[in-house]
C-alpha cells in the first residue's frame, strides 16, 4: 500500500508538472500577439509625426517665400524700368532731336480777321532749314516800340487750347492766333507798336516782325491780349 501511495504521489506530481508546463506555454503564446500591436503602434507614431512635418514644410515659409519673392522683384523691376524709360530718355530725346530752333524759322504776322468785336491776327512760323523739325504749344509774344521797350503786359494763353506737335518739313508753316478786343469798343488805353517780337516754343531767342496792325490795348479794361497754341498751316 505504501508503494502504491508513493506511485500515486509521483504520478500526481508529474501530472501537475505537465499541466504547469502547458500553462506556461499557453501564457507565452498570449504575450506574443500583445507585443506585436505595441510594436506596430510604436512604428506608426513617427510616421504620423513625419507626415505633420512634411505638411508643415509643404505650407511653410520656404515654398511660399520662393513663390512670392520673384513676383515682387519682377513687379518692382517692371515698374522701375517702365518709369525710367518712359519718363526720361524718350521725352528728352524727342525734345532735343527734332524741335525747331529760332534760327531755323522765319516769322510773319498775317492780316487781321476781325469778328464780334475781336481783332484776330495769325502769327506764322515757317521752316527755312533743310531738315524736318517740330513745334508744339504756345509761342511767346510782346509788342515793342521803336526803342525795343515792351508795351503792355505779356499776352495770356487762351484757356482750353490743347497743344499738339506740328511737324514742319522745309518750307512748311505753323500758326498761332493773336487776339484782343477792339480798343474802341473796350475802352482800353492803347499804343501803336513798332514791332511784335515772337519766340518759338521752348526757345529763348525771338524774331522781330514789323507791326502793321494799328493800335493795340496796353492797359485798362479789357486790355488782355491772348495767344492760342500752334496749328499746322498759315491761318488763312
C-alpha atoms as a PDB file:
ATOM      1  CA  UNK A   1       0.000   0.000   0.000  1.00  0.00           C
ATOM      2  CA  UNK A   2       2.897   2.310   0.821  1.00  0.00           C
ATOM      3  CA  UNK A   3       4.428   1.670  -2.515  1.00  0.00           C
ATOM      4  CA  UNK A   4       1.134   2.378  -4.256  1.00  0.00           C
ATOM      5  CA  UNK A   5       0.722   5.695  -2.424  1.00  0.00           C
ATOM      6  CA  UNK A   6       4.193   6.797  -3.448  1.00  0.00           C
ATOM      7  CA  UNK A   7       3.455   5.862  -7.052  1.00  0.00           C
ATOM      8  CA  UNK A   8       0.219   7.856  -6.948  1.00  0.00           C
ATOM      9  CA  UNK A   9       2.003  10.884  -5.473  1.00  0.00           C
ATOM     10  CA  UNK A  10       4.687  10.690  -8.119  1.00  0.00           C
ATOM     11  CA  UNK A  11       2.063  10.449 -10.850  1.00  0.00           C
ATOM     12  CA  UNK A  12       0.162  13.359  -9.447  1.00  0.00           C
ATOM     13  CA  UNK A  13       3.325  15.438  -9.248  1.00  0.00           C
ATOM     14  CA  UNK A  14       4.221  14.527 -12.815  1.00  0.00           C
ATOM     15  CA  UNK A  15       0.699  15.428 -13.955  1.00  0.00           C
ATOM     16  CA  UNK A  16       0.914  18.739 -12.126  1.00  0.00           C
ATOM     17  CA  UNK A  17       4.271  19.481 -13.741  1.00  0.00           C
ATOM     18  CA  UNK A  18       2.859  18.672 -17.122  1.00  0.00           C
ATOM     19  CA  UNK A  19      -0.167  20.932 -16.560  1.00  0.00           C
ATOM     20  CA  UNK A  20       2.108  23.711 -15.339  1.00  0.00           C
ATOM     21  CA  UNK A  21       4.330  23.368 -18.375  1.00  0.00           C
ATOM     22  CA  UNK A  22       1.314  23.511 -20.674  1.00  0.00           C
ATOM     23  CA  UNK A  23       0.046  26.608 -18.829  1.00  0.00           C
ATOM     24  CA  UNK A  24       3.432  28.305 -19.260  1.00  0.00           C
ATOM     25  CA  UNK A  25       3.452  27.614 -22.993  1.00  0.00           C
ATOM     26  CA  UNK A  26      -0.079  28.988 -23.292  1.00  0.00           C
ATOM     27  CA  UNK A  27       0.922  32.130 -21.445  1.00  0.00           C
ATOM     28  CA  UNK A  28       3.925  32.679 -23.732  1.00  0.00           C
ATOM     29  CA  UNK A  29       1.698  32.311 -26.778  1.00  0.00           C
ATOM     30  CA  UNK A  30      -0.677  35.027 -25.464  1.00  0.00           C
ATOM     31  CA  UNK A  31       2.178  37.507 -24.782  1.00  0.00           C
ATOM     32  CA  UNK A  32       3.446  37.427 -28.364  1.00  0.00           C
ATOM     33  CA  UNK A  33       0.275  38.880 -30.006  1.00  0.00           C
ATOM     34  CA  UNK A  34       0.137  41.565 -27.273  1.00  0.00           C
ATOM     35  CA  UNK A  35       3.652  42.819 -28.085  1.00  0.00           C
ATOM     36  CA  UNK A  36       3.045  42.838 -31.808  1.00  0.00           C
ATOM     37  CA  UNK A  37       0.367  45.638 -31.783  1.00  0.00           C
ATOM     38  CA  UNK A  38       2.599  47.671 -29.465  1.00  0.00           C
ATOM     39  CA  UNK A  39       5.425  47.372 -31.956  1.00  0.00           C
ATOM     40  CA  UNK A  40       3.192  48.444 -34.917  1.00  0.00           C
ATOM     41  CA  UNK A  41       1.744  51.277 -32.891  1.00  0.00           C
ATOM     42  CA  UNK A  42       5.214  52.439 -31.997  1.00  0.00           C
ATOM     43  CA  UNK A  43       6.243  52.462 -35.665  1.00  0.00           C
ATOM     44  CA  UNK A  44       3.102  54.421 -36.731  1.00  0.00           C
ATOM     45  CA  UNK A  45       3.732  57.307 -34.332  1.00  0.00           C
ATOM     46  CA  UNK A  46       6.916  58.569 -36.031  1.00  0.00           C
ATOM     47  CA  UNK A  47       5.180  58.196 -39.423  1.00  0.00           C
ATOM     48  CA  UNK A  48       2.385  60.481 -38.239  1.00  0.00           C
ATOM     49  CA  UNK A  49       4.955  62.890 -36.931  1.00  0.00           C
ATOM     50  CA  UNK A  50       6.873  62.867 -40.251  1.00  0.00           C
ATOM     51  CA  UNK A  51       3.608  63.494 -42.063  1.00  0.00           C
ATOM     52  CA  UNK A  52       2.955  66.532 -39.889  1.00  0.00           C
ATOM     53  CA  UNK A  53       6.471  67.658 -40.538  1.00  0.00           C
ATOM     54  CA  UNK A  54       6.047  67.211 -44.261  1.00  0.00           C
ATOM     55  CA  UNK A  55       2.782  69.088 -44.134  1.00  0.00           C
ATOM     56  CA  UNK A  56       4.387  71.979 -42.313  1.00  0.00           C
ATOM     57  CA  UNK A  57       7.219  72.005 -44.813  1.00  0.00           C
ATOM     58  CA  UNK A  58       4.806  71.998 -47.765  1.00  0.00           C
ATOM     59  CA  UNK A  59       2.862  75.001 -46.455  1.00  0.00           C
ATOM     60  CA  UNK A  60       5.651  76.768 -44.636  1.00  0.00           C
ATOM     61  CA  UNK A  61       7.705  79.887 -45.327  1.00  0.00           C
ATOM     62  CA  UNK A  62      10.236  78.359 -47.685  1.00  0.00           C
ATOM     63  CA  UNK A  63       7.917  77.360 -50.546  1.00  0.00           C
ATOM     64  CA  UNK A  64       5.669  80.414 -50.065  1.00  0.00           C
ATOM     65  CA  UNK A  65       8.612  82.780 -49.938  1.00  0.00           C
ATOM     66  CA  UNK A  66      10.171  81.217 -53.010  1.00  0.00           C
ATOM     67  CA  UNK A  67       6.974  81.712 -54.966  1.00  0.00           C
ATOM     68  CA  UNK A  68       6.323  85.294 -53.832  1.00  0.00           C
ATOM     69  CA  UNK A  69       9.836  86.670 -53.947  1.00  0.00           C
ATOM     70  CA  UNK A  70      10.381  86.550 -57.734  1.00  0.00           C
ATOM     71  CA  UNK A  71       6.909  88.057 -58.257  1.00  0.00           C
ATOM     72  CA  UNK A  72       7.731  91.055 -56.094  1.00  0.00           C
ATOM     73  CA  UNK A  73      11.081  91.519 -57.752  1.00  0.00           C
ATOM     74  CA  UNK A  74       9.511  91.261 -61.187  1.00  0.00           C
ATOM     75  CA  UNK A  75       6.851  93.825 -60.347  1.00  0.00           C
ATOM     76  CA  UNK A  76       9.396  96.209 -58.904  1.00  0.00           C
ATOM     77  CA  UNK A  77      11.700  95.816 -61.859  1.00  0.00           C
ATOM     78  CA  UNK A  78       8.920  96.324 -64.346  1.00  0.00           C
ATOM     79  CA  UNK A  79       7.595  99.392 -62.583  1.00  0.00           C
ATOM     80  CA  UNK A  80      11.005 100.976 -62.201  1.00  0.00           C
ATOM     81  CA  UNK A  81      12.096 100.215 -65.744  1.00  0.00           C
ATOM     82  CA  UNK A  82       8.891 101.488 -67.254  1.00  0.00           C
ATOM     83  CA  UNK A  83       9.042 104.721 -65.289  1.00  0.00           C
ATOM     84  CA  UNK A  84      12.657 105.397 -66.039  1.00  0.00           C
ATOM     85  CA  UNK A  85      12.487 104.513 -69.675  1.00  0.00           C
ATOM     86  CA  UNK A  86       9.183 106.110 -70.404  1.00  0.00           C
ATOM     87  CA  UNK A  87       9.638 109.362 -68.444  1.00  0.00           C
ATOM     88  CA  UNK A  88      13.237 110.195 -69.012  1.00  0.00           C
ATOM     89  CA  UNK A  89      15.000 109.063 -72.163  1.00  0.00           C
ATOM     90  CA  UNK A  90      12.159 109.205 -74.694  1.00  0.00           C
ATOM     91  CA  UNK A  91      10.924 112.686 -73.785  1.00  0.00           C
ATOM     92  CA  UNK A  92      14.383 114.207 -73.610  1.00  0.00           C
ATOM     93  CA  UNK A  93      15.478 112.575 -76.874  1.00  0.00           C
ATOM     94  CA  UNK A  94      12.393 113.748 -78.762  1.00  0.00           C
ATOM     95  CA  UNK A  95      12.635 117.317 -77.480  1.00  0.00           C
ATOM     96  CA  UNK A  96      16.315 117.798 -78.286  1.00  0.00           C
ATOM     97  CA  UNK A  97      16.392 115.837 -81.532  1.00  0.00           C
ATOM     98  CA  UNK A  98      13.579 117.347 -83.619  1.00  0.00           C
ATOM     99  CA  UNK A  99      12.464 120.680 -82.135  1.00  0.00           C
ATOM    100  CA  UNK A 100      12.607 123.684 -84.463  1.00  0.00           C
ATOM    101  CA  UNK A 101      15.092 126.289 -83.242  1.00  0.00           C
ATOM    102  CA  UNK A 102      14.648 130.025 -83.718  1.00  0.00           C
ATOM    103  CA  UNK A 103      17.499 130.145 -86.230  1.00  0.00           C
ATOM    104  CA  UNK A 104      15.655 127.631 -88.432  1.00  0.00           C
ATOM    105  CA  UNK A 105      12.453 129.656 -88.651  1.00  0.00           C
ATOM    106  CA  UNK A 106      11.133 132.865 -90.143  1.00  0.00           C
ATOM    107  CA  UNK A 107       8.184 134.732 -88.630  1.00  0.00           C
ATOM    108  CA  UNK A 108       5.405 136.872 -90.068  1.00  0.00           C
ATOM    109  CA  UNK A 109       2.041 138.285 -88.994  1.00  0.00           C
ATOM    110  CA  UNK A 110      -0.933 137.728 -91.254  1.00  0.00           C
ATOM    111  CA  UNK A 111      -3.812 140.094 -91.943  1.00  0.00           C
ATOM    112  CA  UNK A 112      -6.489 140.909 -89.388  1.00  0.00           C
ATOM    113  CA  UNK A 113      -9.646 138.800 -89.433  1.00  0.00           C
ATOM    114  CA  UNK A 114     -11.979 140.758 -87.136  1.00  0.00           C
ATOM    115  CA  UNK A 115     -15.183 139.381 -85.711  1.00  0.00           C
ATOM    116  CA  UNK A 116     -17.562 140.016 -82.792  1.00  0.00           C
ATOM    117  CA  UNK A 117     -15.536 142.951 -81.520  1.00  0.00           C
ATOM    118  CA  UNK A 118     -12.302 140.942 -81.627  1.00  0.00           C
ATOM    119  CA  UNK A 119      -9.139 141.552 -83.626  1.00  0.00           C
ATOM    120  CA  UNK A 120      -7.517 138.321 -84.779  1.00  0.00           C
ATOM    121  CA  UNK A 121      -4.039 138.073 -86.283  1.00  0.00           C
ATOM    122  CA  UNK A 122      -2.175 134.856 -87.196  1.00  0.00           C
ATOM    123  CA  UNK A 123       1.468 134.609 -86.108  1.00  0.00           C
ATOM    124  CA  UNK A 124       3.162 132.364 -88.668  1.00  0.00           C
ATOM    125  CA  UNK A 125       6.400 130.392 -88.293  1.00  0.00           C
ATOM    126  CA  UNK A 126       7.926 128.895 -91.438  1.00  0.00           C
ATOM    127  CA  UNK A 127      10.676 126.285 -91.527  1.00  0.00           C
ATOM    128  CA  UNK A 128      13.546 127.736 -93.553  1.00  0.00           C
ATOM    129  CA  UNK A 129      16.043 124.994 -92.692  1.00  0.00           C
ATOM    130  CA  UNK A 130      16.909 121.965 -94.771  1.00  0.00           C
ATOM    131  CA  UNK A 131      15.592 119.470 -92.219  1.00  0.00           C
ATOM    132  CA  UNK A 132      12.239 118.444 -90.781  1.00  0.00           C
ATOM    133  CA  UNK A 133      11.562 119.742 -87.281  1.00  0.00           C
ATOM    134  CA  UNK A 134       8.616 120.183 -84.906  1.00  0.00           C
ATOM    135  CA  UNK A 135       6.871 122.914 -82.912  1.00  0.00           C
ATOM    136  CA  UNK A 136       4.430 122.354 -80.076  1.00  0.00           C
ATOM    137  CA  UNK A 137       2.444 124.577 -77.763  1.00  0.00           C
ATOM    138  CA  UNK A 138       2.260 128.333 -77.266  1.00  0.00           C
ATOM    139  CA  UNK A 139       4.703 130.840 -78.760  1.00  0.00           C
ATOM    140  CA  UNK A 140       5.838 133.888 -76.847  1.00  0.00           C
ATOM    141  CA  UNK A 141       4.916 137.409 -77.999  1.00  0.00           C
ATOM    142  CA  UNK A 142       5.391 141.036 -76.967  1.00  0.00           C
ATOM    143  CA  UNK A 143       4.566 144.395 -78.535  1.00  0.00           C
ATOM    144  CA  UNK A 144       7.544 146.781 -78.521  1.00  0.00           C
ATOM    145  CA  UNK A 145       8.126 150.405 -79.531  1.00  0.00           C
ATOM    146  CA  UNK A 146      10.905 151.636 -81.770  1.00  0.00           C
ATOM    147  CA  UNK A 147      13.356 151.614 -78.864  1.00  0.00           C
ATOM    148  CA  UNK A 148      12.576 147.982 -78.142  1.00  0.00           C
ATOM    149  CA  UNK A 149      10.654 148.707 -74.931  1.00  0.00           C
ATOM    150  CA  UNK A 150       7.730 146.391 -74.292  1.00  0.00           C
ATOM    151  CA  UNK A 151       4.245 147.890 -74.484  1.00  0.00           C
ATOM    152  CA  UNK A 152       1.663 146.390 -72.158  1.00  0.00           C
ATOM    153  CA  UNK A 153       1.809 143.067 -70.288  1.00  0.00           C
ATOM    154  CA  UNK A 154       2.702 139.704 -71.799  1.00  0.00           C
ATOM    155  CA  UNK A 155      -0.170 138.077 -73.718  1.00  0.00           C
ATOM    156  CA  UNK A 156      -2.146 135.436 -71.857  1.00  0.00           C
ATOM    157  CA  UNK A 157      -2.566 131.861 -73.038  1.00  0.00           C
ATOM    158  CA  UNK A 158      -6.021 131.028 -74.339  1.00  0.00           C
ATOM    159  CA  UNK A 159      -7.852 128.742 -71.928  1.00  0.00           C
ATOM    160  CA  UNK A 160      -8.915 125.416 -73.369  1.00  0.00           C
ATOM    161  CA  UNK A 161      -6.219 125.295 -76.041  1.00  0.00           C
ATOM    162  CA  UNK A 162      -4.797 121.783 -76.419  1.00  0.00           C
ATOM    163  CA  UNK A 163      -1.149 121.600 -77.559  1.00  0.00           C
ATOM    164  CA  UNK A 164      -0.296 119.243 -80.400  1.00  0.00           C
ATOM    165  CA  UNK A 165       3.009 118.514 -82.089  1.00  0.00           C
ATOM    166  CA  UNK A 166       3.216 120.074 -85.551  1.00  0.00           C
ATOM    167  CA  UNK A 167       5.805 118.590 -87.903  1.00  0.00           C
ATOM    168  CA  UNK A 168       7.291 121.069 -90.362  1.00  0.00           C
ATOM    169  CA  UNK A 169       9.114 119.911 -93.453  1.00  0.00           C
ATOM    170  CA  UNK A 170      11.324 122.523 -95.131  1.00  0.00           C
ATOM    171  CA  UNK A 171       9.086 125.365 -96.346  1.00  0.00           C
ATOM    172  CA  UNK A 172       6.039 124.367 -94.261  1.00  0.00           C
ATOM    173  CA  UNK A 173       4.381 126.643 -91.685  1.00  0.00           C
ATOM    174  CA  UNK A 174       2.550 126.626 -88.372  1.00  0.00           C
ATOM    175  CA  UNK A 175       0.473 129.453 -86.898  1.00  0.00           C
ATOM    176  CA  UNK A 176      -0.914 130.699 -83.588  1.00  0.00           C
ATOM    177  CA  UNK A 177      -3.743 133.180 -83.096  1.00  0.00           C
ATOM    178  CA  UNK A 178      -3.089 136.605 -81.525  1.00  0.00           C
ATOM    179  CA  UNK A 179      -6.409 138.031 -80.318  1.00  0.00           C
ATOM    180  CA  UNK A 180      -7.570 141.106 -78.400  1.00  0.00           C
ATOM    181  CA  UNK A 181     -10.738 143.186 -78.030  1.00  0.00           C
ATOM    182  CA  UNK A 182     -11.095 146.218 -80.303  1.00  0.00           C
ATOM    183  CA  UNK A 183      -9.827 149.132 -78.172  1.00  0.00           C
ATOM    184  CA  UNK A 184     -12.547 151.462 -79.454  1.00  0.00           C
ATOM    185  CA  UNK A 185     -15.144 149.070 -78.070  1.00  0.00           C
ATOM    186  CA  UNK A 186     -13.384 148.011 -74.886  1.00  0.00           C
ATOM    187  CA  UNK A 187     -12.219 151.459 -73.868  1.00  0.00           C
ATOM    188  CA  UNK A 188      -8.700 150.217 -73.093  1.00  0.00           C
ATOM    189  CA  UNK A 189      -5.711 152.525 -73.296  1.00  0.00           C
ATOM    190  CA  UNK A 190      -3.808 152.000 -76.498  1.00  0.00           C
ATOM    191  CA  UNK A 191      -0.418 152.318 -78.123  1.00  0.00           C
ATOM    192  CA  UNK A 192       0.873 151.737 -81.622  1.00  0.00           C
ATOM    193  CA  UNK A 193       3.731 149.232 -81.588  1.00  0.00           C
ATOM    194  CA  UNK A 194       6.664 149.393 -83.969  1.00  0.00           C
ATOM    195  CA  UNK A 195       7.105 145.620 -83.925  1.00  0.00           C
ATOM    196  CA  UNK A 196       5.945 142.334 -82.482  1.00  0.00           C
ATOM    197  CA  UNK A 197       8.618 140.114 -81.035  1.00  0.00           C
ATOM    198  CA  UNK A 198       7.722 136.427 -81.234  1.00  0.00           C
ATOM    199  CA  UNK A 199       9.502 133.414 -79.740  1.00  0.00           C
ATOM    200  CA  UNK A 200       9.015 129.798 -80.864  1.00  0.00           C
ATOM    201  CA  UNK A 201       8.032 127.294 -78.151  1.00  0.00           C
ATOM    202  CA  UNK A 202      10.885 126.177 -75.873  1.00  0.00           C
ATOM    203  CA  UNK A 203      13.274 128.744 -77.389  1.00  0.00           C
ATOM    204  CA  UNK A 204      14.892 131.822 -75.840  1.00  0.00           C
ATOM    205  CA  UNK A 205      15.787 133.820 -78.950  1.00  0.00           C
ATOM    206  CA  UNK A 206      12.984 135.813 -80.553  1.00  0.00           C
ATOM    207  CA  UNK A 207      12.180 137.075 -84.053  1.00  0.00           C
ATOM    208  CA  UNK A 208      11.068 140.678 -84.652  1.00  0.00           C
ATOM    209  CA  UNK A 209       8.237 141.349 -87.072  1.00  0.00           C
ATOM    210  CA  UNK A 210       7.171 144.847 -88.182  1.00  0.00           C
ATOM    211  CA  UNK A 211       3.704 145.579 -86.794  1.00  0.00           C
ATOM    212  CA  UNK A 212       1.168 146.910 -89.267  1.00  0.00           C
ATOM    213  CA  UNK A 213      -1.996 146.178 -87.355  1.00  0.00           C
ATOM    214  CA  UNK A 214      -2.575 149.601 -85.846  1.00  0.00           C
ATOM    215  CA  UNK A 215      -3.300 150.389 -82.202  1.00  0.00           C
ATOM    216  CA  UNK A 216      -3.357 147.682 -79.566  1.00  0.00           C
ATOM    217  CA  UNK A 217      -4.598 147.665 -75.963  1.00  0.00           C
ATOM    218  CA  UNK A 218      -1.841 148.124 -73.394  1.00  0.00           C
ATOM    219  CA  UNK A 219      -3.720 148.843 -70.146  1.00  0.00           C
ATOM    220  CA  UNK A 220      -7.163 149.431 -68.664  1.00  0.00           C
ATOM    221  CA  UNK A 221     -10.364 147.482 -69.057  1.00  0.00           C
ATOM    222  CA  UNK A 222     -10.363 144.533 -71.457  1.00  0.00           C
ATOM    223  CA  UNK A 223      -6.755 145.140 -72.383  1.00  0.00           C
ATOM    224  CA  UNK A 224      -5.761 141.460 -72.381  1.00  0.00           C
ATOM    225  CA  UNK A 225      -4.063 140.078 -75.450  1.00  0.00           C
ATOM    226  CA  UNK A 226      -4.357 136.295 -75.871  1.00  0.00           C
ATOM    227  CA  UNK A 227      -2.459 133.584 -77.734  1.00  0.00           C
ATOM    228  CA  UNK A 228      -3.586 130.168 -78.962  1.00  0.00           C
ATOM    229  CA  UNK A 229      -1.464 127.066 -79.471  1.00  0.00           C
ATOM    230  CA  UNK A 230       0.308 126.453 -82.755  1.00  0.00           C
ATOM    231  CA  UNK A 231      -1.534 124.605 -85.515  1.00  0.00           C
ATOM    232  CA  UNK A 232      -0.464 123.460 -88.967  1.00  0.00           C
ATOM    233  CA  UNK A 233      -0.793 125.954 -91.806  1.00  0.00           C
ATOM    234  CA  UNK A 234      -0.774 129.748 -92.080  1.00  0.00           C
ATOM    235  CA  UNK A 235      -4.139 130.572 -90.504  1.00  0.00           C
ATOM    236  CA  UNK A 236      -5.568 131.843 -93.769  1.00  0.00           C
END
